[in-house]
Amino acid sequence: GDLKVVNSVFFNIGETKVAGLDYSINY
């Protein structure tokens, strides 16, 4: 009953939430 091998595939399950600030200075 132990795991021998796990065969997976790519699929659309993930979700990502990203936020931030960009700073720029030019002289």
mmCIF file of all heavy atoms, coordinates in Angstrom:
data_MODEL
# 
_entry.id   MODEL 
# 
loop_
_atom_site.group_PDB 
_atom_site.id 
_atom_site.type_symbol 
_atom_site.label_atom_id 
_atom_site.label_alt_id 
_atom_site.label_comp_id 
_atom_site.label_asym_id 
_atom_site.label_entity_id 
_atom_site.label_seq_id 
_atom_site.pdbx_PDB_ins_code 
_atom_site.Cartn_x 
_atom_site.Cartn_y 
_atom_site.Cartn_z 
_atom_site.occupancy 
_atom_site.B_iso_or_equiv 
_atom_site.pdbx_formal_charge 
_atom_site.auth_seq_id 
_atom_site.auth_comp_id 
_atom_site.auth_asym_id 
_atom_site.auth_atom_id 
_atom_site.pdbx_PDB_model_num 
ATOM 1   N N   . GLY A 1 1  ? 0.782  -1.226 0.000   1.00 0.00 ? 1  GLY A N   1 
ATOM 2   C CA  . GLY A 1 1  ? 0.000  0.000  0.000   1.00 0.00 ? 1  GLY A CA  1 
ATOM 3   C C   . GLY A 1 1  ? 0.811  1.272  0.000   1.00 0.00 ? 1  GLY A C   1 
ATOM 4   O O   . GLY A 1 1  ? 0.244  2.373  -0.100  1.00 0.00 ? 1  GLY A O   1 
ATOM 5   N N   . ASP A 1 2  ? 2.135  1.165  0.119   1.00 0.00 ? 2  ASP A N   1 
ATOM 6   C CA  . ASP A 1 2  ? 2.976  2.367  0.060   1.00 0.00 ? 2  ASP A CA  1 
ATOM 7   C C   . ASP A 1 2  ? 3.018  2.909  -1.374  1.00 0.00 ? 2  ASP A C   1 
ATOM 8   O O   . ASP A 1 2  ? 2.776  2.183  -2.339  1.00 0.00 ? 2  ASP A O   1 
ATOM 9   C CB  . ASP A 1 2  ? 4.396  2.053  0.537   1.00 0.00 ? 2  ASP A CB  1 
ATOM 10  C CG  . ASP A 1 2  ? 4.466  1.778  2.026   1.00 0.00 ? 2  ASP A CG  1 
ATOM 11  O OD1 . ASP A 1 2  ? 3.509  2.150  2.739   1.00 0.00 ? 2  ASP A OD1 1 
ATOM 12  O OD2 . ASP A 1 2  ? 5.472  1.183  2.471   1.00 0.00 ? 2  ASP A OD2 1 
ATOM 13  N N   . LEU A 1 3  ? 3.365  4.196  -1.489  1.00 0.00 ? 3  LEU A N   1 
ATOM 14  C CA  . LEU A 1 3  ? 3.443  4.826  -2.799  1.00 0.00 ? 3  LEU A CA  1 
ATOM 15  C C   . LEU A 1 3  ? 4.691  4.357  -3.543  1.00 0.00 ? 3  LEU A C   1 
ATOM 16  O O   . LEU A 1 3  ? 5.797  4.407  -3.004  1.00 0.00 ? 3  LEU A O   1 
ATOM 17  C CB  . LEU A 1 3  ? 3.487  6.348  -2.642  1.00 0.00 ? 3  LEU A CB  1 
ATOM 18  C CG  . LEU A 1 3  ? 2.269  6.999  -1.967  1.00 0.00 ? 3  LEU A CG  1 
ATOM 19  C CD1 . LEU A 1 3  ? 2.521  8.492  -1.781  1.00 0.00 ? 3  LEU A CD1 1 
ATOM 20  C CD2 . LEU A 1 3  ? 1.019  6.777  -2.783  1.00 0.00 ? 3  LEU A CD2 1 
ATOM 21  N N   . LYS A 1 4  ? 4.510  3.924  -4.784  1.00 0.00 ? 4  LYS A N   1 
ATOM 22  C CA  . LYS A 1 4  ? 5.634  3.519  -5.612  1.00 0.00 ? 4  LYS A CA  1 
ATOM 23  C C   . LYS A 1 4  ? 6.021  4.652  -6.563  1.00 0.00 ? 4  LYS A C   1 
ATOM 24  O O   . LYS A 1 4  ? 7.174  5.071  -6.617  1.00 0.00 ? 4  LYS A O   1 
ATOM 25  C CB  . LYS A 1 4  ? 5.298  2.257  -6.396  1.00 0.00 ? 4  LYS A CB  1 
ATOM 26  C CG  . LYS A 1 4  ? 6.461  1.740  -7.238  1.00 0.00 ? 4  LYS A CG  1 
ATOM 27  C CD  . LYS A 1 4  ? 6.089  0.434  -7.932  1.00 0.00 ? 4  LYS A CD  1 
ATOM 28  C CE  . LYS A 1 4  ? 7.277  -0.109 -8.743  1.00 0.00 ? 4  LYS A CE  1 
ATOM 29  N NZ  . LYS A 1 4  ? 6.914  -1.398 -9.416  1.00 0.00 ? 4  LYS A NZ  1 
ATOM 30  N N   . VAL A 1 5  ? 5.060  5.156  -7.326  1.00 0.00 ? 5  VAL A N   1 
ATOM 31  C CA  . VAL A 1 5  ? 5.313  6.280  -8.234  1.00 0.00 ? 5  VAL A CA  1 
ATOM 32  C C   . VAL A 1 5  ? 4.006  7.045  -8.438  1.00 0.00 ? 5  VAL A C   1 
ATOM 33  O O   . VAL A 1 5  ? 2.929  6.455  -8.480  1.00 0.00 ? 5  VAL A O   1 
ATOM 34  C CB  . VAL A 1 5  ? 5.892  5.786  -9.585  1.00 0.00 ? 5  VAL A CB  1 
ATOM 35  C CG1 . VAL A 1 5  ? 4.904  4.884  -10.305 1.00 0.00 ? 5  VAL A CG1 1 
ATOM 36  C CG2 . VAL A 1 5  ? 6.248  6.979  -10.475 1.00 0.00 ? 5  VAL A CG2 1 
ATOM 37  N N   . VAL A 1 6  ? 4.121  8.359  -8.528  1.00 0.00 ? 6  VAL A N   1 
ATOM 38  C CA  . VAL A 1 6  ? 2.968  9.234  -8.755  1.00 0.00 ? 6  VAL A CA  1 
ATOM 39  C C   . VAL A 1 6  ? 3.149  9.885  -10.124 1.00 0.00 ? 6  VAL A C   1 
ATOM 40  O O   . VAL A 1 6  ? 4.140  10.585 -10.355 1.00 0.00 ? 6  VAL A O   1 
ATOM 41  C CB  . VAL A 1 6  ? 2.861  10.311 -7.659  1.00 0.00 ? 6  VAL A CB  1 
ATOM 42  C CG1 . VAL A 1 6  ? 1.670  11.229 -7.932  1.00 0.00 ? 6  VAL A CG1 1 
ATOM 43  C CG2 . VAL A 1 6  ? 2.749  9.670  -6.291  1.00 0.00 ? 6  VAL A CG2 1 
ATOM 44  N N   . ASN A 1 7  ? 2.195  9.659  -11.014 1.00 0.00 ? 7  ASN A N   1 
ATOM 45  C CA  . ASN A 1 7  ? 2.243  10.207 -12.365 1.00 0.00 ? 7  ASN A CA  1 
ATOM 46  C C   . ASN A 1 7  ? 1.219  11.334 -12.482 1.00 0.00 ? 7  ASN A C   1 
ATOM 47  O O   . ASN A 1 7  ? 0.013  11.095 -12.393 1.00 0.00 ? 7  ASN A O   1 
ATOM 48  C CB  . ASN A 1 7  ? 1.959  9.116  -13.399 1.00 0.00 ? 7  ASN A CB  1 
ATOM 49  C CG  . ASN A 1 7  ? 2.952  7.963  -13.315 1.00 0.00 ? 7  ASN A CG  1 
ATOM 50  O OD1 . ASN A 1 7  ? 4.163  8.172  -13.372 1.00 0.00 ? 7  ASN A OD1 1 
ATOM 51  N ND2 . ASN A 1 7  ? 2.455  6.754  -13.159 1.00 0.00 ? 7  ASN A ND2 1 
ATOM 52  N N   . SER A 1 8  ? 1.718  12.547 -12.656 1.00 0.00 ? 8  SER A N   1 
ATOM 53  C CA  . SER A 1 8  ? 0.852  13.716 -12.702 1.00 0.00 ? 8  SER A CA  1 
ATOM 54  C C   . SER A 1 8  ? 0.921  14.371 -14.074 1.00 0.00 ? 8  SER A C   1 
ATOM 55  O O   . SER A 1 8  ? 1.768  14.022 -14.907 1.00 0.00 ? 8  SER A O   1 
ATOM 56  C CB  . SER A 1 8  ? 1.269  14.720 -11.612 1.00 0.00 ? 8  SER A CB  1 
ATOM 57  O OG  . SER A 1 8  ? 0.419  15.848 -11.602 1.00 0.00 ? 8  SER A OG  1 
ATOM 58  N N   . VAL A 1 9  ? 0.035  15.324 -14.301 1.00 0.00 ? 9  VAL A N   1 
ATOM 59  C CA  . VAL A 1 9  ? 0.036  16.105 -15.541 1.00 0.00 ? 9  VAL A CA  1 
ATOM 60  C C   . VAL A 1 9  ? -0.138 17.577 -15.168 1.00 0.00 ? 9  VAL A C   1 
ATOM 61  O O   . VAL A 1 9  ? -0.591 17.915 -14.073 1.00 0.00 ? 9  VAL A O   1 
ATOM 62  C CB  . VAL A 1 9  ? -1.100 15.673 -16.493 1.00 0.00 ? 9  VAL A CB  1 
ATOM 63  C CG1 . VAL A 1 9  ? -0.919 14.240 -16.942 1.00 0.00 ? 9  VAL A CG1 1 
ATOM 64  C CG2 . VAL A 1 9  ? -2.473 15.867 -15.852 1.00 0.00 ? 9  VAL A CG2 1 
ATOM 65  N N   . PHE A 1 10 ? 0.236  18.455 -16.090 1.00 0.00 ? 10 PHE A N   1 
ATOM 66  C CA  . PHE A 1 10 ? -0.052 19.873 -15.905 1.00 0.00 ? 10 PHE A CA  1 
ATOM 67  C C   . PHE A 1 10 ? -1.554 20.095 -16.046 1.00 0.00 ? 10 PHE A C   1 
ATOM 68  O O   . PHE A 1 10 ? -2.198 19.515 -16.923 1.00 0.00 ? 10 PHE A O   1 
ATOM 69  C CB  . PHE A 1 10 ? 0.679  20.716 -16.952 1.00 0.00 ? 10 PHE A CB  1 
ATOM 70  C CG  . PHE A 1 10 ? 2.168  20.758 -16.779 1.00 0.00 ? 10 PHE A CG  1 
ATOM 71  C CD1 . PHE A 1 10 ? 3.003  20.118 -17.673 1.00 0.00 ? 10 PHE A CD1 1 
ATOM 72  C CD2 . PHE A 1 10 ? 2.731  21.455 -15.722 1.00 0.00 ? 10 PHE A CD2 1 
ATOM 73  C CE1 . PHE A 1 10 ? 4.380  20.161 -17.520 1.00 0.00 ? 10 PHE A CE1 1 
ATOM 74  C CE2 . PHE A 1 10 ? 4.111  21.504 -15.554 1.00 0.00 ? 10 PHE A CE2 1 
ATOM 75  C CZ  . PHE A 1 10 ? 4.933  20.855 -16.449 1.00 0.00 ? 10 PHE A CZ  1 
ATOM 76  N N   . PHE A 1 11 ? -2.114 20.939 -15.175 1.00 0.00 ? 11 PHE A N   1 
ATOM 77  C CA  . PHE A 1 11 ? -3.513 21.295 -15.343 1.00 0.00 ? 11 PHE A CA  1 
ATOM 78  C C   . PHE A 1 11 ? -3.793 22.636 -14.681 1.00 0.00 ? 11 PHE A C   1 
ATOM 79  O O   . PHE A 1 11 ? -2.977 23.166 -13.937 1.00 0.00 ? 11 PHE A O   1 
ATOM 80  C CB  . PHE A 1 11 ? -4.458 20.200 -14.834 1.00 0.00 ? 11 PHE A CB  1 
ATOM 81  C CG  . PHE A 1 11 ? -4.192 19.710 -13.433 1.00 0.00 ? 11 PHE A CG  1 
ATOM 82  C CD1 . PHE A 1 11 ? -5.025 20.044 -12.383 1.00 0.00 ? 11 PHE A CD1 1 
ATOM 83  C CD2 . PHE A 1 11 ? -3.109 18.875 -13.175 1.00 0.00 ? 11 PHE A CD2 1 
ATOM 84  C CE1 . PHE A 1 11 ? -4.784 19.568 -11.097 1.00 0.00 ? 11 PHE A CE1 1 
ATOM 85  C CE2 . PHE A 1 11 ? -2.868 18.389 -11.893 1.00 0.00 ? 11 PHE A CE2 1 
ATOM 86  C CZ  . PHE A 1 11 ? -3.707 18.754 -10.854 1.00 0.00 ? 11 PHE A CZ  1 
ATOM 87  N N   . ASN A 1 12 ? -4.953 23.208 -14.998 1.00 0.00 ? 12 ASN A N   1 
ATOM 88  C CA  . ASN A 1 12 ? -5.321 24.548 -14.538 1.00 0.00 ? 12 ASN A CA  1 
ATOM 89  C C   . ASN A 1 12 ? -5.960 24.475 -13.161 1.00 0.00 ? 12 ASN A C   1 
ATOM 90  O O   . ASN A 1 12 ? -7.183 24.409 -13.026 1.00 0.00 ? 12 ASN A O   1 
ATOM 91  C CB  . ASN A 1 12 ? -6.314 25.200 -15.514 1.00 0.00 ? 12 ASN A CB  1 
ATOM 92  C CG  . ASN A 1 12 ? -5.779 25.342 -16.918 1.00 0.00 ? 12 ASN A CG  1 
ATOM 93  O OD1 . ASN A 1 12 ? -6.020 24.500 -17.778 1.00 0.00 ? 12 ASN A OD1 1 
ATOM 94  N ND2 . ASN A 1 12 ? -5.055 26.414 -17.164 1.00 0.00 ? 12 ASN A ND2 1 
ATOM 95  N N   . ILE A 1 13 ? -5.133 24.484 -12.125 1.00 0.00 ? 13 ILE A N   1 
ATOM 96  C CA  . ILE A 1 13 ? -5.699 24.422 -10.780 1.00 0.00 ? 13 ILE A CA  1 
ATOM 97  C C   . ILE A 1 13 ? -5.247 25.575 -9.903  1.00 0.00 ? 13 ILE A C   1 
ATOM 98  O O   . ILE A 1 13 ? -5.859 25.862 -8.878  1.00 0.00 ? 13 ILE A O   1 
ATOM 99  C CB  . ILE A 1 13 ? -5.337 23.102 -10.065 1.00 0.00 ? 13 ILE A CB  1 
ATOM 100 C CG1 . ILE A 1 13 ? -3.813 22.974 -9.923  1.00 0.00 ? 13 ILE A CG1 1 
ATOM 101 C CG2 . ILE A 1 13 ? -5.907 21.916 -10.812 1.00 0.00 ? 13 ILE A CG2 1 
ATOM 102 C CD1 . ILE A 1 13 ? -3.392 21.846 -9.008  1.00 0.00 ? 13 ILE A CD1 1 
ATOM 103 N N   . GLY A 1 14 ? -4.174 26.234 -10.255 1.00 0.00 ? 14 GLY A N   1 
ATOM 104 C CA  . GLY A 1 14 ? -3.582 27.222 -9.357  1.00 0.00 ? 14 GLY A CA  1 
ATOM 105 C C   . GLY A 1 14 ? -4.247 28.579 -9.417  1.00 0.00 ? 14 GLY A C   1 
ATOM 106 O O   . GLY A 1 14 ? -4.998 28.907 -10.337 1.00 0.00 ? 14 GLY A O   1 
ATOM 107 N N   . GLU A 1 15 ? -3.978 29.381 -8.415  1.00 0.00 ? 15 GLU A N   1 
ATOM 108 C CA  . GLU A 1 15 ? -4.430 30.769 -8.373  1.00 0.00 ? 15 GLU A CA  1 
ATOM 109 C C   . GLU A 1 15 ? -3.361 31.593 -7.667  1.00 0.00 ? 15 GLU A C   1 
ATOM 110 O O   . GLU A 1 15 ? -2.790 31.167 -6.664  1.00 0.00 ? 15 GLU A O   1 
ATOM 111 C CB  . GLU A 1 15 ? -5.766 30.903 -7.654  1.00 0.00 ? 15 GLU A CB  1 
ATOM 112 C CG  . GLU A 1 15 ? -6.318 32.326 -7.674  1.00 0.00 ? 15 GLU A CG  1 
ATOM 113 C CD  . GLU A 1 15 ? -7.716 32.417 -7.103  1.00 0.00 ? 15 GLU A CD  1 
ATOM 114 O OE1 . GLU A 1 15 ? -8.287 31.372 -6.722  1.00 0.00 ? 15 GLU A OE1 1 
ATOM 115 O OE2 . GLU A 1 15 ? -8.238 33.550 -7.022  1.00 0.00 ? 15 GLU A OE2 1 
ATOM 116 N N   . THR A 1 16 ? -3.096 32.768 -8.199  1.00 0.00 ? 16 THR A N   1 
ATOM 117 C CA  . THR A 1 16 ? -2.051 33.632 -7.674  1.00 0.00 ? 16 THR A CA  1 
ATOM 118 C C   . THR A 1 16 ? -2.591 35.038 -7.511  1.00 0.00 ? 16 THR A C   1 
ATOM 119 O O   . THR A 1 16 ? -3.251 35.563 -8.402  1.00 0.00 ? 16 THR A O   1 
ATOM 120 C CB  . THR A 1 16 ? -0.829 33.667 -8.618  1.00 0.00 ? 16 THR A CB  1 
ATOM 121 O OG1 . THR A 1 16 ? -0.383 32.325 -8.865  1.00 0.00 ? 16 THR A OG1 1 
ATOM 122 C CG2 . THR A 1 16 ? 0.318  34.464 -8.012  1.00 0.00 ? 16 THR A CG2 1 
ATOM 123 N N   . LYS A 1 17 ? -2.310 35.652 -6.352  1.00 0.00 ? 17 LYS A N   1 
ATOM 124 C CA  . LYS A 1 17 ? -2.689 37.030 -6.089  1.00 0.00 ? 17 LYS A CA  1 
ATOM 125 C C   . LYS A 1 17 ? -1.441 37.788 -5.661  1.00 0.00 ? 17 LYS A C   1 
ATOM 126 O O   . LYS A 1 17 ? -0.836 37.457 -4.632  1.00 0.00 ? 17 LYS A O   1 
ATOM 127 C CB  . LYS A 1 17 ? -3.753 37.113 -4.989  1.00 0.00 ? 17 LYS A CB  1 
ATOM 128 C CG  . LYS A 1 17 ? -5.073 36.434 -5.344  1.00 0.00 ? 17 LYS A CG  1 
ATOM 129 C CD  . LYS A 1 17 ? -6.077 36.572 -4.200  1.00 0.00 ? 17 LYS A CD  1 
ATOM 130 C CE  . LYS A 1 17 ? -7.407 35.916 -4.551  1.00 0.00 ? 17 LYS A CE  1 
ATOM 131 N NZ  . LYS A 1 17 ? -8.389 36.067 -3.452  1.00 0.00 ? 17 LYS A NZ  1 
ATOM 132 N N   . VAL A 1 18 ? -1.063 38.782 -6.448  1.00 0.00 ? 18 VAL A N   1 
ATOM 133 C CA  . VAL A 1 18 ? 0.158  39.538 -6.183  1.00 0.00 ? 18 VAL A CA  1 
ATOM 134 C C   . VAL A 1 18 ? -0.154 41.022 -6.233  1.00 0.00 ? 18 VAL A C   1 
ATOM 135 O O   . VAL A 1 18 ? -0.910 41.486 -7.085  1.00 0.00 ? 18 VAL A O   1 
ATOM 136 C CB  . VAL A 1 18 ? 1.256  39.215 -7.221  1.00 0.00 ? 18 VAL A CB  1 
ATOM 137 C CG1 . VAL A 1 18 ? 2.577  39.864 -6.815  1.00 0.00 ? 18 VAL A CG1 1 
ATOM 138 C CG2 . VAL A 1 18 ? 1.430  37.712 -7.376  1.00 0.00 ? 18 VAL A CG2 1 
ATOM 139 N N   . ALA A 1 19 ? 0.409  41.775 -5.295  1.00 0.00 ? 19 ALA A N   1 
ATOM 140 C CA  . ALA A 1 19 ? 0.261  43.232 -5.282  1.00 0.00 ? 19 ALA A CA  1 
ATOM 141 C C   . ALA A 1 19 ? 1.568  43.849 -4.828  1.00 0.00 ? 19 ALA A C   1 
ATOM 142 O O   . ALA A 1 19 ? 2.365  43.223 -4.115  1.00 0.00 ? 19 ALA A O   1 
ATOM 143 C CB  . ALA A 1 19 ? -0.881 43.665 -4.363  1.00 0.00 ? 19 ALA A CB  1 
ATOM 144 N N   . GLY A 1 20 ? 1.797  45.083 -5.255  1.00 0.00 ? 20 GLY A N   1 
ATOM 145 C CA  . GLY A 1 20 ? 3.036  45.729 -4.857  1.00 0.00 ? 20 GLY A CA  1 
ATOM 146 C C   . GLY A 1 20 ? 3.113  47.158 -5.342  1.00 0.00 ? 20 GLY A C   1 
ATOM 147 O O   . GLY A 1 20 ? 2.153  47.730 -5.880  1.00 0.00 ? 20 GLY A O   1 
ATOM 148 N N   . LEU A 1 21 ? 4.284  47.744 -5.151  1.00 0.00 ? 21 LEU A N   1 
ATOM 149 C CA  . LEU A 1 21 ? 4.551  49.130 -5.515  1.00 0.00 ? 21 LEU A CA  1 
ATOM 150 C C   . LEU A 1 21 ? 5.802  49.190 -6.378  1.00 0.00 ? 21 LEU A C   1 
ATOM 151 O O   . LEU A 1 21 ? 6.779  48.484 -6.117  1.00 0.00 ? 21 LEU A O   1 
ATOM 152 C CB  . LEU A 1 21 ? 4.742  49.982 -4.263  1.00 0.00 ? 21 LEU A CB  1 
ATOM 153 C CG  . LEU A 1 21 ? 3.509  50.202 -3.389  1.00 0.00 ? 21 LEU A CG  1 
ATOM 154 C CD1 . LEU A 1 21 ? 3.926  50.636 -1.991  1.00 0.00 ? 21 LEU A CD1 1 
ATOM 155 C CD2 . LEU A 1 21 ? 2.587  51.251 -3.999  1.00 0.00 ? 21 LEU A CD2 1 
ATOM 156 N N   . ASP A 1 22 ? 5.756  50.022 -7.397  1.00 0.00 ? 22 ASP A N   1 
ATOM 157 C CA  . ASP A 1 22 ? 6.930  50.309 -8.223  1.00 0.00 ? 22 ASP A CA  1 
ATOM 158 C C   . ASP A 1 22 ? 7.353  51.753 -7.985  1.00 0.00 ? 22 ASP A C   1 
ATOM 159 O O   . ASP A 1 22 ? 6.508  52.666 -7.995  1.00 0.00 ? 22 ASP A O   1 
ATOM 160 C CB  . ASP A 1 22 ? 6.620  50.122 -9.713  1.00 0.00 ? 22 ASP A CB  1 
ATOM 161 C CG  . ASP A 1 22 ? 6.493  48.664 -10.092 1.00 0.00 ? 22 ASP A CG  1 
ATOM 162 O OD1 . ASP A 1 22 ? 6.967  47.800 -9.336  1.00 0.00 ? 22 ASP A OD1 1 
ATOM 163 O OD2 . ASP A 1 22 ? 5.905  48.384 -11.156 1.00 0.00 ? 22 ASP A OD2 1 
ATOM 164 N N   . TYR A 1 23 ? 8.655  51.953 -7.773  1.00 0.00 ? 23 TYR A N   1 
ATOM 165 C CA  . TYR A 1 23 ? 9.202  53.298 -7.565  1.00 0.00 ? 23 TYR A CA  1 
ATOM 166 C C   . TYR A 1 23 ? 10.242 53.569 -8.648  1.00 0.00 ? 23 TYR A C   1 
ATOM 167 O O   . TYR A 1 23 ? 11.063 52.701 -8.961  1.00 0.00 ? 23 TYR A O   1 
ATOM 168 C CB  . TYR A 1 23 ? 9.877  53.419 -6.193  1.00 0.00 ? 23 TYR A CB  1 
ATOM 169 C CG  . TYR A 1 23 ? 9.034  52.965 -5.026  1.00 0.00 ? 23 TYR A CG  1 
ATOM 170 C CD1 . TYR A 1 23 ? 9.122  51.656 -4.544  1.00 0.00 ? 23 TYR A CD1 1 
ATOM 171 C CD2 . TYR A 1 23 ? 8.172  53.843 -4.378  1.00 0.00 ? 23 TYR A CD2 1 
ATOM 172 C CE1 . TYR A 1 23 ? 8.371  51.238 -3.472  1.00 0.00 ? 23 TYR A CE1 1 
ATOM 173 C CE2 . TYR A 1 23 ? 7.416  53.435 -3.298  1.00 0.00 ? 23 TYR A CE2 1 
ATOM 174 C CZ  . TYR A 1 23 ? 7.508  52.130 -2.848  1.00 0.00 ? 23 TYR A CZ  1 
ATOM 175 O OH  . TYR A 1 23 ? 6.753  51.717 -1.777  1.00 0.00 ? 23 TYR A OH  1 
ATOM 176 N N   . SER A 1 24 ? 10.211 54.748 -9.202  1.00 0.00 ? 24 SER A N   1 
ATOM 177 C CA  . SER A 1 24 ? 11.200 55.106 -10.217 1.00 0.00 ? 24 SER A CA  1 
ATOM 178 C C   . SER A 1 24 ? 11.673 56.544 -10.001 1.00 0.00 ? 24 SER A C   1 
ATOM 179 O O   . SER A 1 24 ? 10.881 57.430 -9.662  1.00 0.00 ? 24 SER A O   1 
ATOM 180 C CB  . SER A 1 24 ? 10.617 54.954 -11.625 1.00 0.00 ? 24 SER A CB  1 
ATOM 181 O OG  . SER A 1 24 ? 9.540  55.860 -11.829 1.00 0.00 ? 24 SER A OG  1 
ATOM 182 N N   . ILE A 1 25 ? 12.963 56.733 -10.175 1.00 0.00 ? 25 ILE A N   1 
ATOM 183 C CA  . ILE A 1 25 ? 13.569 58.067 -10.093 1.00 0.00 ? 25 ILE A CA  1 
ATOM 184 C C   . ILE A 1 25 ? 14.499 58.221 -11.280 1.00 0.00 ? 25 ILE A C   1 
ATOM 185 O O   . ILE A 1 25 ? 15.341 57.352 -11.540 1.00 0.00 ? 25 ILE A O   1 
ATOM 186 C CB  . ILE A 1 25 ? 14.347 58.272 -8.782  1.00 0.00 ? 25 ILE A CB  1 
ATOM 187 C CG1 . ILE A 1 25 ? 13.426 58.093 -7.568  1.00 0.00 ? 25 ILE A CG1 1 
ATOM 188 C CG2 . ILE A 1 25 ? 14.987 59.655 -8.746  1.00 0.00 ? 25 ILE A CG2 1 
ATOM 189 C CD1 . ILE A 1 25 ? 14.173 58.181 -6.236  1.00 0.00 ? 25 ILE A CD1 1 
ATOM 190 N N   . ASN A 1 26 ? 14.338 59.303 -12.018 1.00 0.00 ? 26 ASN A N   1 
ATOM 191 C CA  . ASN A 1 26 ? 15.165 59.570 -13.183 1.00 0.00 ? 26 ASN A CA  1 
ATOM 192 C C   . ASN A 1 26 ? 15.634 61.020 -13.138 1.00 0.00 ? 26 ASN A C   1 
ATOM 193 O O   . ASN A 1 26 ? 14.850 61.924 -12.851 1.00 0.00 ? 26 ASN A O   1 
ATOM 194 C CB  . ASN A 1 26 ? 14.370 59.311 -14.465 1.00 0.00 ? 26 ASN A CB  1 
ATOM 195 C CG  . ASN A 1 26 ? 15.203 59.529 -15.710 1.00 0.00 ? 26 ASN A CG  1 
ATOM 196 O OD1 . ASN A 1 26 ? 15.252 60.625 -16.245 1.00 0.00 ? 26 ASN A OD1 1 
ATOM 197 N ND2 . ASN A 1 26 ? 15.850 58.473 -16.180 1.00 0.00 ? 26 ASN A ND2 1 
ATOM 198 N N   . TYR A 1 27 ? 16.919 61.215 -13.392 1.00 0.00 ? 27 TYR A N   1 
ATOM 199 C CA  . TYR A 1 27 ? 17.462 62.573 -13.384 1.00 0.00 ? 27 TYR A CA  1 
ATOM 200 C C   . TYR A 1 27 ? 18.314 62.779 -14.628 1.00 0.00 ? 27 TYR A C   1 
ATOM 201 O O   . TYR A 1 27 ? 19.197 61.979 -14.935 1.00 0.00 ? 27 TYR A O   1 
ATOM 202 C CB  . TYR A 1 27 ? 18.306 62.827 -12.132 1.00 0.00 ? 27 TYR A CB  1 
ATOM 203 C CG  . TYR A 1 27 ? 18.881 64.221 -12.067 1.00 0.00 ? 27 TYR A CG  1 
ATOM 204 C CD1 . TYR A 1 27 ? 18.059 65.326 -11.838 1.00 0.00 ? 27 TYR A CD1 1 
ATOM 205 C CD2 . TYR A 1 27 ? 20.242 64.431 -12.265 1.00 0.00 ? 27 TYR A CD2 1 
ATOM 206 C CE1 . TYR A 1 27 ? 18.582 66.612 -11.793 1.00 0.00 ? 27 TYR A CE1 1 
ATOM 207 C CE2 . TYR A 1 27 ? 20.780 65.713 -12.211 1.00 0.00 ? 27 TYR A CE2 1 
ATOM 208 C CZ  . TYR A 1 27 ? 19.941 66.798 -11.991 1.00 0.00 ? 27 TYR A CZ  1 
ATOM 209 O OH  . TYR A 1 27 ? 20.450 68.072 -11.953 1.00 0.00 ? 27 TYR A OH  1 
# 
